């Protein structure tokens, strides 16, 4: 977008007023909708029956903003650390994640993700389904996300070792914000929760008989920084 001499002003029947630039407007007699983006990048959509009038007013300078792609491919790469507080000791576990999928509209997106991490100092690679809800379609958008899948253990088990490391279920949620820095590139930051259920099996004897199982339920706070592209 660029500087304009006039600004679109939408007057609502409830008394509210929105100033910015109209992105989409069609015949209001057919219960159409009007989409307007404000100088701060927030996007609002109103049905025709909510609108009292639309005018051009004054001199107003819109900030240069990137319109968010409503549909299509998206990708997200994140790095960060997972924190834990166990027995009075604060653990810090680095990770890298990547998620790719499809944006169905300005709010909903679904995809698949993979992670490389060591939440209990044992390397794992969770593979999971990923869903995200974006609160608005602006260039500075808040969102919440959820993921669920299975962690694959990357620890090699020696034939002479008495410990067999296995993966298990994982689940995660997050809330964050995305800020566009270029047309199709955004800075992403979030904080979330991550749960991992991992299992170790204890072998004994020459026949590797399983003599015991240890199940670990790990709760982690995840601090995430990333790049989003579409």
Protein backbone atom coordinates (compact mmCIF):
# COMPACT_ATOMS: atom_id res chain seq x y z
CA UNK A 1 0.00 0.00 0.00
CA UNK A 2 1.05 3.63 -0.36
CA UNK A 3 0.24 7.15 0.75
CA UNK A 4 -3.20 8.38 -0.25
CA UNK A 5 -4.84 11.80 -0.13
CA UNK A 6 -8.13 10.41 1.12
CA UNK A 7 -8.97 7.63 3.53
CA UNK A 8 -11.96 5.30 3.45
CA UNK A 9 -14.19 5.74 6.49
CA UNK A 10 -16.77 3.09 7.39
CA UNK A 11 -19.54 4.30 9.71
CA UNK A 12 -21.31 1.44 11.48
CA UNK A 13 -24.86 1.45 12.73
CA UNK A 14 -23.67 0.76 16.29
CA UNK A 15 -21.76 4.05 16.26
CA UNK A 16 -18.27 2.64 15.63
CA UNK A 17 -16.04 4.17 12.96
CA UNK A 18 -13.22 2.44 11.06
CA UNK A 19 -10.67 4.39 9.02
CA UNK A 20 -8.25 2.89 6.51
CA UNK A 21 -8.41 1.49 3.02
CA UNK A 22 -11.17 -0.74 1.68
CA UNK A 23 -9.72 -3.91 0.19
CA UNK A 24 -12.94 -5.43 -1.11
CA UNK A 25 -16.36 -3.95 -1.67
CA UNK A 26 -19.25 -5.31 -3.73
CA UNK A 27 -22.97 -4.65 -4.13
CA UNK A 28 -24.29 -4.05 -0.63
CA UNK A 29 -27.87 -4.65 -1.71
CA UNK A 30 -27.01 -8.36 -1.94
CA UNK A 31 -25.81 -8.72 1.66
CA UNK A 32 -22.19 -8.38 0.57
CA UNK A 33 -19.29 -7.69 2.86
CA UNK A 34 -16.74 -4.89 3.12
CA UNK A 35 -13.13 -5.54 4.12
CA UNK A 36 -11.10 -2.61 5.42
CA UNK A 37 -7.47 -2.49 6.58
CA UNK A 38 -6.43 0.16 9.12
CA UNK A 39 -3.16 2.09 9.35
CA UNK A 40 -1.97 -0.44 11.97
CA UNK A 41 -2.52 -3.43 9.70
CA UNK A 42 -5.70 -4.72 11.35
CA UNK A 43 -8.33 -6.09 8.97
CA UNK A 44 -12.05 -5.85 9.70
CA UNK A 45 -14.91 -7.39 7.71
CA UNK A 46 -18.47 -6.09 7.98
CA UNK A 47 -21.73 -7.23 6.44
CA UNK A 48 -23.73 -4.64 4.52
CA UNK A 49 -26.48 -4.60 7.15
CA UNK A 50 -23.95 -3.49 9.80
CA UNK A 51 -22.88 -0.42 7.79
CA UNK A 52 -24.56 2.97 7.93
CA UNK A 53 -22.38 4.69 5.32
CA UNK A 54 -18.96 4.73 3.64
CA UNK A 55 -17.13 7.97 2.87
CA UNK A 56 -13.81 9.36 1.66
CA UNK A 57 -12.42 11.86 4.15
CA UNK A 58 -9.44 14.07 4.86
CA UNK A 59 -5.76 13.49 4.21
CA UNK A 60 -4.47 10.36 5.79
CA UNK A 61 -1.25 8.43 5.32
CA UNK A 62 -1.46 4.66 5.51
CA UNK A 63 1.63 2.85 6.71
CA UNK A 64 3.22 0.64 4.09
CA UNK A 65 1.85 -2.81 4.85
CA UNK A 66 2.00 -6.24 3.33
CA UNK A 67 -1.32 -7.83 2.50
CA UNK A 68 -1.49 -11.29 3.99
CA UNK A 69 -2.03 -14.15 1.58
CA UNK A 70 -5.43 -15.66 2.39
CA UNK A 71 -4.88 -19.08 0.84
CA UNK A 72 -2.10 -21.34 -0.41
CA UNK A 73 1.14 -22.87 0.77
CA UNK A 74 2.85 -21.80 4.01
CA UNK A 75 6.11 -22.77 5.70
CA UNK A 76 7.51 -22.07 9.17
CA UNK A 77 10.99 -22.76 10.55
CA UNK A 78 11.52 -22.34 14.30
CA UNK A 79 14.44 -22.59 16.70
CA UNK A 80 14.47 -22.06 20.44
CA UNK A 81 14.69 -23.76 23.79
CA UNK A 82 12.43 -25.87 25.94
CA UNK A 83 12.56 -25.24 29.69
CA UNK A 84 11.81 -27.53 32.60
CA UNK A 85 11.98 -27.29 36.37
CA UNK A 86 12.64 -30.70 37.83
CA UNK A 87 13.93 -31.24 41.37
CA UNK A 88 14.76 -27.54 41.64
CA UNK A 89 16.99 -27.61 38.56
CA UNK A 90 16.10 -25.61 35.44
CA UNK A 91 16.82 -27.56 32.29
CA UNK A 92 17.30 -25.95 28.88
CA UNK A 93 16.90 -28.09 25.78
CA UNK A 94 17.47 -26.58 22.28
CA UNK A 95 15.41 -27.64 19.27
CA UNK A 96 14.72 -26.94 15.62
CA UNK A 97 11.31 -27.41 13.98
CA UNK A 98 9.79 -26.96 10.56
CA UNK A 99 6.12 -26.98 9.57
CA UNK A 100 4.61 -26.89 6.07
CA UNK A 101 1.03 -26.97 4.91
CA UNK A 102 -1.94 -25.16 3.38
CA UNK A 103 -3.63 -21.91 4.39
CA UNK A 104 -7.37 -22.39 3.75
CA UNK A 105 -8.42 -18.80 4.51
CA UNK A 106 -7.09 -15.84 6.48
CA UNK A 107 -7.75 -17.73 9.74
CA UNK A 108 -7.28 -21.48 9.34
CA UNK A 109 -4.20 -23.45 8.31
CA UNK A 110 -3.27 -27.14 8.56
CA UNK A 111 -0.01 -28.93 7.88
CA UNK A 112 2.65 -31.39 8.97
CA UNK A 113 5.76 -30.78 11.04
CA UNK A 114 9.00 -32.42 12.11
CA UNK A 115 11.28 -31.57 15.02
CA UNK A 116 14.79 -32.39 16.17
CA UNK A 117 15.20 -32.10 19.93
CA UNK A 118 16.38 -33.78 23.12
CA UNK A 119 13.83 -32.94 25.85
CA UNK A 120 15.48 -35.32 28.33
CA UNK A 121 18.98 -35.31 26.78
CA UNK A 122 17.99 -38.19 24.48
CA UNK A 123 17.68 -37.26 20.81
CA UNK A 124 14.21 -37.65 19.29
CA UNK A 125 12.45 -36.53 16.12
CA UNK A 126 8.70 -35.96 16.57
CA UNK A 127 6.55 -36.08 13.43
CA UNK A 128 3.19 -34.39 13.91
CA UNK A 129 0.05 -32.79 12.50
CA UNK A 130 -0.05 -29.01 12.91
CA UNK A 131 -3.02 -26.63 13.03
CA UNK A 132 -3.06 -22.83 13.38
CA UNK A 133 -5.78 -20.22 13.87
CA UNK A 134 -4.83 -16.62 13.01
CA UNK A 135 -6.89 -13.99 14.80
CA UNK A 136 -6.94 -11.47 11.93
CA UNK A 137 -5.57 -11.05 8.45
CA UNK A 138 -3.22 -8.16 9.15
CA UNK A 139 0.53 -7.81 8.63
CA UNK A 140 0.92 -8.14 12.41
CA UNK A 141 -1.19 -11.14 13.32
CA UNK A 142 -1.66 -12.99 16.58
CA UNK A 143 -2.33 -16.71 16.41
CA UNK A 144 -2.72 -19.90 18.41
CA UNK A 145 -1.62 -23.37 17.31
CA UNK A 146 -1.78 -27.02 18.31
CA UNK A 147 0.18 -30.10 17.29
CA UNK A 148 0.02 -33.82 17.98
CA UNK A 149 2.05 -36.77 16.76
CA UNK A 150 4.65 -39.40 17.57
CA UNK A 151 8.29 -39.01 18.64
CA UNK A 152 10.86 -41.28 16.96
CA UNK A 153 13.93 -42.09 19.05
CA UNK A 154 17.23 -41.25 17.34
CA UNK A 155 19.37 -42.97 19.97
CA UNK A 156 21.05 -46.07 18.60
CA UNK A 157 20.72 -49.07 20.90
CA UNK A 158 23.88 -51.13 21.10
CA UNK A 159 23.50 -54.90 21.08
CA UNK A 160 25.56 -54.88 24.26
CA UNK A 161 23.51 -52.18 25.98
CA UNK A 162 20.91 -53.05 28.60
CA UNK A 163 18.79 -49.98 27.71
CA UNK A 164 16.54 -49.82 24.65
CA UNK A 165 15.29 -46.29 24.00
CA UNK A 166 11.86 -45.81 22.41
CA UNK A 167 9.77 -42.87 21.33
CA UNK A 168 6.16 -42.09 22.13
CA UNK A 169 3.28 -39.67 21.86
CA UNK A 170 3.72 -35.90 21.83
CA UNK A 171 1.35 -32.95 22.08
CA UNK A 172 1.88 -29.20 21.96
CA UNK A 173 0.13 -25.84 22.00
CA UNK A 174 1.40 -22.30 21.46
CA UNK A 175 0.31 -18.68 21.21
CA UNK A 176 2.33 -16.12 19.30
CA UNK A 177 2.57 -13.35 16.75
CA UNK A 178 3.69 -13.00 13.15
CA UNK A 179 5.12 -9.73 11.77
CA UNK A 180 5.73 -9.35 8.04
CA UNK A 181 9.14 -7.92 7.14
CA UNK A 182 8.87 -8.54 3.40
CA UNK A 183 6.10 -9.33 0.95
CA UNK A 184 6.05 -13.07 1.69
CA UNK A 185 8.36 -13.31 4.69
CA UNK A 186 7.46 -12.75 8.34
CA UNK A 187 9.19 -12.89 11.70
CA UNK A 188 7.45 -15.29 14.08
CA UNK A 189 7.71 -15.56 17.86
CA UNK A 190 5.67 -17.58 20.32
CA UNK A 191 5.58 -19.32 23.68
CA UNK A 192 4.08 -22.75 24.11
CA UNK A 193 3.71 -25.98 26.02
CA UNK A 194 5.11 -29.33 24.91
CA UNK A 195 4.36 -32.81 26.29
CA UNK A 196 6.39 -35.92 25.45
CA UNK A 197 5.76 -39.49 26.55
CA UNK A 198 8.91 -41.60 26.07
CA UNK A 199 9.76 -45.13 27.13
CA UNK A 200 12.97 -47.02 27.90
CA UNK A 201 13.08 -50.79 28.05
CA UNK A 202 15.60 -52.67 30.18
CA UNK A 203 17.01 -55.83 28.63
CA UNK A 204 18.70 -58.65 30.51
CA UNK A 205 20.31 -61.95 29.67
CA UNK A 206 21.80 -63.19 26.45
CA UNK A 207 18.36 -63.42 24.84
CA UNK A 208 17.70 -59.70 25.52
CA UNK A 209 14.66 -60.46 27.62
CA UNK A 210 12.72 -57.28 28.51
CA UNK A 211 12.87 -57.16 32.29
CA UNK A 212 11.47 -53.69 32.88
CA UNK A 213 10.02 -50.54 31.37
CA UNK A 214 10.48 -46.91 32.36
CA UNK A 215 7.97 -44.36 31.07
CA UNK A 216 8.90 -40.67 31.08
CA UNK A 217 6.21 -38.00 30.93
CA UNK A 218 7.97 -34.75 30.11
CA UNK A 219 6.33 -31.32 30.42
CA UNK A 220 8.21 -28.47 28.78
CA UNK A 221 7.72 -24.73 28.24
CA UNK A 222 8.81 -23.88 24.72
CA UNK A 223 10.25 -20.48 23.68
CA UNK A 224 10.14 -20.19 19.88
CA UNK A 225 11.63 -17.85 17.27
CA UNK A 226 11.17 -18.40 13.57
CA UNK A 227 10.61 -17.30 9.99
CA UNK A 228 7.25 -17.71 8.26
CA UNK A 229 6.97 -17.70 4.47
CA UNK A 230 4.16 -18.16 1.95
